[in-house]
Amino acid sequence: MRDETTEQNRYQRALIALPGASREPSTAGHAVFWDVTGKILKEHPPADGPEPSCHGCGKRWPCEMVESTMQQVGVRA
């Protein structure tokens, strides 16, 4: 299992990387995709606690939604 702080740092990096990724020339025309990607990141933040869960879906964090979204903006494990 990966360290909780490491995962939270990945999440913060994904939030920071989102605006830049959406302006990349190769993907700039996909506004709806980037809007949905940003919405997923904002709706699925980690909850505090010894076993962090997702605020959006209640699954163990990072949930599948936020994991794939972090990868979409270029933030990998």
N, C-alpha and C. Protein backbone atom coordinates (compact mmCIF):
# COMPACT_ATOMS: atom_id res chain seq x y z
N MET A 1 0.84 -1.18 0.00
CA MET A 1 0.00 0.00 0.00
C MET A 1 0.88 1.24 0.00
N ARG A 2 0.53 2.18 -0.81
CA ARG A 2 1.31 3.41 -0.87
C ARG A 2 1.01 4.30 0.33
N ASP A 3 1.96 5.14 0.65
CA ASP A 3 1.83 6.04 1.78
C ASP A 3 0.73 7.07 1.52
N GLU A 4 -0.09 7.32 2.54
CA GLU A 4 -1.22 8.25 2.43
C GLU A 4 -0.76 9.65 2.01
N THR A 5 0.32 10.14 2.62
CA THR A 5 0.83 11.46 2.29
C THR A 5 1.28 11.53 0.84
N THR A 6 1.90 10.48 0.35
CA THR A 6 2.33 10.43 -1.04
C THR A 6 1.13 10.55 -1.97
N GLU A 7 0.06 9.84 -1.66
CA GLU A 7 -1.15 9.90 -2.48
C GLU A 7 -1.78 11.28 -2.44
N GLN A 8 -1.81 11.89 -1.26
CA GLN A 8 -2.38 13.23 -1.15
C GLN A 8 -1.53 14.24 -1.92
N ASN A 9 -0.22 14.06 -1.90
CA ASN A 9 0.66 14.93 -2.68
C ASN A 9 0.40 14.75 -4.17
N ARG A 10 0.18 13.52 -4.61
CA ARG A 10 -0.16 13.27 -6.02
C ARG A 10 -1.45 13.99 -6.39
N TYR A 11 -2.42 13.95 -5.49
CA TYR A 11 -3.70 14.61 -5.73
C TYR A 11 -3.49 16.12 -5.89
N GLN A 12 -2.71 16.71 -5.00
CA GLN A 12 -2.44 18.15 -5.09
C GLN A 12 -1.70 18.49 -6.37
N ARG A 13 -0.73 17.66 -6.75
CA ARG A 13 -0.02 17.89 -8.02
C ARG A 13 -0.96 17.80 -9.21
N ALA A 14 -1.93 16.88 -9.15
CA ALA A 14 -2.90 16.75 -10.24
C ALA A 14 -3.77 18.00 -10.35
N LEU A 15 -4.21 18.53 -9.21
CA LEU A 15 -5.00 19.76 -9.23
C LEU A 15 -4.20 20.91 -9.83
N ILE A 16 -2.93 20.99 -9.49
CA ILE A 16 -2.06 22.05 -10.01
C ILE A 16 -1.77 21.84 -11.50
N ALA A 17 -1.62 20.58 -11.92
CA ALA A 17 -1.27 20.28 -13.31
C ALA A 17 -2.45 20.43 -14.27
N LEU A 18 -3.67 20.38 -13.78
CA LEU A 18 -4.85 20.40 -14.64
C LEU A 18 -4.90 21.60 -15.58
N PRO A 19 -4.72 22.84 -15.11
CA PRO A 19 -4.80 23.96 -16.05
C PRO A 19 -3.75 23.89 -17.17
N GLY A 20 -2.55 23.48 -16.84
CA GLY A 20 -1.50 23.38 -17.85
C GLY A 20 -1.78 22.27 -18.85
N ALA A 21 -2.27 21.15 -18.35
CA ALA A 21 -2.57 20.02 -19.24
C ALA A 21 -3.68 20.38 -20.21
N SER A 22 -4.64 21.15 -19.76
CA SER A 22 -5.76 21.50 -20.63
C SER A 22 -5.37 22.53 -21.70
N ARG A 23 -4.20 23.16 -21.54
CA ARG A 23 -3.74 24.14 -22.53
C ARG A 23 -2.71 23.57 -23.49
N GLU A 24 -2.32 22.32 -23.29
CA GLU A 24 -1.36 21.70 -24.21
C GLU A 24 -1.92 21.76 -25.63
N PRO A 25 -1.11 22.12 -26.61
CA PRO A 25 -1.63 22.23 -27.98
C PRO A 25 -2.32 20.98 -28.50
N SER A 26 -1.82 19.82 -28.12
CA SER A 26 -2.41 18.58 -28.63
C SER A 26 -3.76 18.23 -28.01
N THR A 27 -4.09 18.84 -26.86
CA THR A 27 -5.35 18.51 -26.19
C THR A 27 -6.22 19.72 -25.91
N ALA A 28 -5.81 20.89 -26.34
CA ALA A 28 -6.53 22.11 -26.00
C ALA A 28 -7.96 22.14 -26.55
N GLY A 29 -8.24 21.44 -27.61
CA GLY A 29 -9.57 21.44 -28.19
C GLY A 29 -10.57 20.54 -27.50
N HIS A 30 -10.16 19.90 -26.44
CA HIS A 30 -11.03 18.95 -25.73
C HIS A 30 -11.55 19.57 -24.44
N ALA A 31 -12.21 20.70 -24.54
CA ALA A 31 -12.67 21.45 -23.37
C ALA A 31 -13.59 20.63 -22.48
N VAL A 32 -14.51 19.89 -23.06
CA VAL A 32 -15.45 19.10 -22.26
C VAL A 32 -14.70 18.04 -21.46
N PHE A 33 -13.73 17.38 -22.09
CA PHE A 33 -12.93 16.37 -21.40
C PHE A 33 -12.24 16.99 -20.19
N TRP A 34 -11.63 18.16 -20.36
CA TRP A 34 -10.91 18.78 -19.24
C TRP A 34 -11.86 19.31 -18.19
N ASP A 35 -13.04 19.75 -18.59
CA ASP A 35 -14.04 20.17 -17.60
C ASP A 35 -14.46 18.99 -16.73
N VAL A 36 -14.71 17.85 -17.36
CA VAL A 36 -15.11 16.65 -16.61
C VAL A 36 -13.96 16.16 -15.73
N THR A 37 -12.74 16.21 -16.25
CA THR A 37 -11.57 15.79 -15.48
C THR A 37 -11.44 16.65 -14.22
N GLY A 38 -11.57 17.96 -14.36
CA GLY A 38 -11.50 18.85 -13.21
C GLY A 38 -12.63 18.60 -12.23
N LYS A 39 -13.81 18.33 -12.74
CA LYS A 39 -14.96 18.05 -11.88
C LYS A 39 -14.74 16.78 -11.06
N ILE A 40 -14.20 15.75 -11.70
CA ILE A 40 -13.91 14.50 -10.99
C ILE A 40 -12.90 14.75 -9.87
N LEU A 41 -11.83 15.47 -10.18
CA LEU A 41 -10.83 15.75 -9.15
C LEU A 41 -11.44 16.50 -7.97
N LYS A 42 -12.28 17.47 -8.25
CA LYS A 42 -12.87 18.28 -7.18
C LYS A 42 -13.94 17.53 -6.40
N GLU A 43 -14.62 16.58 -7.04
CA GLU A 43 -15.69 15.84 -6.36
C GLU A 43 -15.20 14.59 -5.64
N HIS A 44 -13.96 14.20 -5.83
CA HIS A 44 -13.43 12.98 -5.22
C HIS A 44 -12.16 13.25 -4.41
N PRO A 45 -12.19 14.25 -3.49
CA PRO A 45 -11.01 14.48 -2.65
C PRO A 45 -10.92 13.44 -1.53
N PRO A 46 -9.75 13.32 -0.92
CA PRO A 46 -9.62 12.37 0.18
C PRO A 46 -10.28 12.90 1.45
N ALA A 47 -10.87 11.99 2.22
CA ALA A 47 -11.40 12.32 3.53
C ALA A 47 -10.32 12.05 4.57
N ASP A 48 -10.33 12.77 5.65
CA ASP A 48 -9.36 12.55 6.72
C ASP A 48 -9.70 11.29 7.48
N GLY A 49 -8.68 10.71 8.07
CA GLY A 49 -8.90 9.55 8.92
C GLY A 49 -7.83 8.51 8.73
N PRO A 50 -7.84 7.51 9.62
CA PRO A 50 -6.82 6.46 9.55
C PRO A 50 -6.94 5.61 8.27
N GLU A 51 -8.14 5.44 7.78
CA GLU A 51 -8.38 4.72 6.52
C GLU A 51 -9.05 5.72 5.59
N PRO A 52 -8.26 6.52 4.87
CA PRO A 52 -8.87 7.58 4.07
C PRO A 52 -9.84 7.03 3.03
N SER A 53 -10.98 7.68 2.95
CA SER A 53 -11.98 7.30 1.96
C SER A 53 -12.23 8.49 1.05
N CYS A 54 -12.91 8.24 -0.04
CA CYS A 54 -13.22 9.26 -1.02
C CYS A 54 -14.48 10.01 -0.60
N HIS A 55 -14.42 11.33 -0.62
CA HIS A 55 -15.61 12.13 -0.30
C HIS A 55 -16.71 11.92 -1.34
N GLY A 56 -16.33 11.66 -2.58
CA GLY A 56 -17.31 11.55 -3.65
C GLY A 56 -18.07 10.24 -3.71
N CYS A 57 -17.37 9.13 -3.45
CA CYS A 57 -18.03 7.83 -3.61
C CYS A 57 -17.94 6.94 -2.38
N GLY A 58 -17.15 7.32 -1.38
CA GLY A 58 -17.04 6.55 -0.16
C GLY A 58 -16.10 5.36 -0.22
N LYS A 59 -15.51 5.10 -1.39
CA LYS A 59 -14.56 3.98 -1.51
C LYS A 59 -13.21 4.40 -0.93
N ARG A 60 -12.35 3.41 -0.74
CA ARG A 60 -11.00 3.69 -0.26
C ARG A 60 -10.33 4.65 -1.23
N TRP A 61 -9.66 5.65 -0.68
CA TRP A 61 -9.03 6.67 -1.50
C TRP A 61 -7.56 6.32 -1.74
N PRO A 62 -7.02 6.51 -2.92
CA PRO A 62 -7.65 7.09 -4.09
C PRO A 62 -8.56 6.07 -4.78
N CYS A 63 -9.78 6.48 -5.06
CA CYS A 63 -10.73 5.61 -5.75
C CYS A 63 -10.33 5.49 -7.23
N GLU A 64 -11.00 4.60 -7.93
CA GLU A 64 -10.68 4.38 -9.34
C GLU A 64 -10.86 5.65 -10.16
N MET A 65 -11.87 6.44 -9.82
CA MET A 65 -12.14 7.67 -10.57
C MET A 65 -10.98 8.65 -10.47
N VAL A 66 -10.53 8.91 -9.26
CA VAL A 66 -9.47 9.90 -9.09
C VAL A 66 -8.12 9.34 -9.53
N GLU A 67 -7.90 8.05 -9.38
CA GLU A 67 -6.64 7.44 -9.82
C GLU A 67 -6.45 7.62 -11.33
N SER A 68 -7.48 7.29 -12.10
CA SER A 68 -7.35 7.43 -13.56
C SER A 68 -7.29 8.90 -13.96
N THR A 69 -7.98 9.76 -13.23
CA THR A 69 -7.96 11.19 -13.55
C THR A 69 -6.59 11.79 -13.27
N MET A 70 -5.95 11.38 -12.18
CA MET A 70 -4.59 11.87 -11.90
C MET A 70 -3.65 11.46 -13.02
N GLN A 71 -3.82 10.26 -13.53
CA GLN A 71 -2.99 9.80 -14.63
C GLN A 71 -3.26 10.58 -15.91
N GLN A 72 -4.52 10.96 -16.13
CA GLN A 72 -4.88 11.74 -17.33
C GLN A 72 -4.16 13.08 -17.37
N VAL A 73 -3.94 13.69 -16.23
CA VAL A 73 -3.24 14.98 -16.20
C VAL A 73 -1.72 14.81 -16.08
N GLY A 74 -1.26 13.57 -16.14
CA GLY A 74 0.17 13.30 -16.18
C GLY A 74 0.83 13.06 -14.83
N VAL A 75 0.04 12.85 -13.78
CA VAL A 75 0.60 12.60 -12.45
C VAL A 75 0.50 11.11 -12.18
N ARG A 76 1.62 10.44 -12.27
CA ARG A 76 1.67 8.99 -12.10
C ARG A 76 2.25 8.62 -10.74
N ALA A 77 2.01 7.41 -10.35
CA ALA A 77 2.51 6.91 -9.05
C ALA A 77 4.03 6.80 -9.07
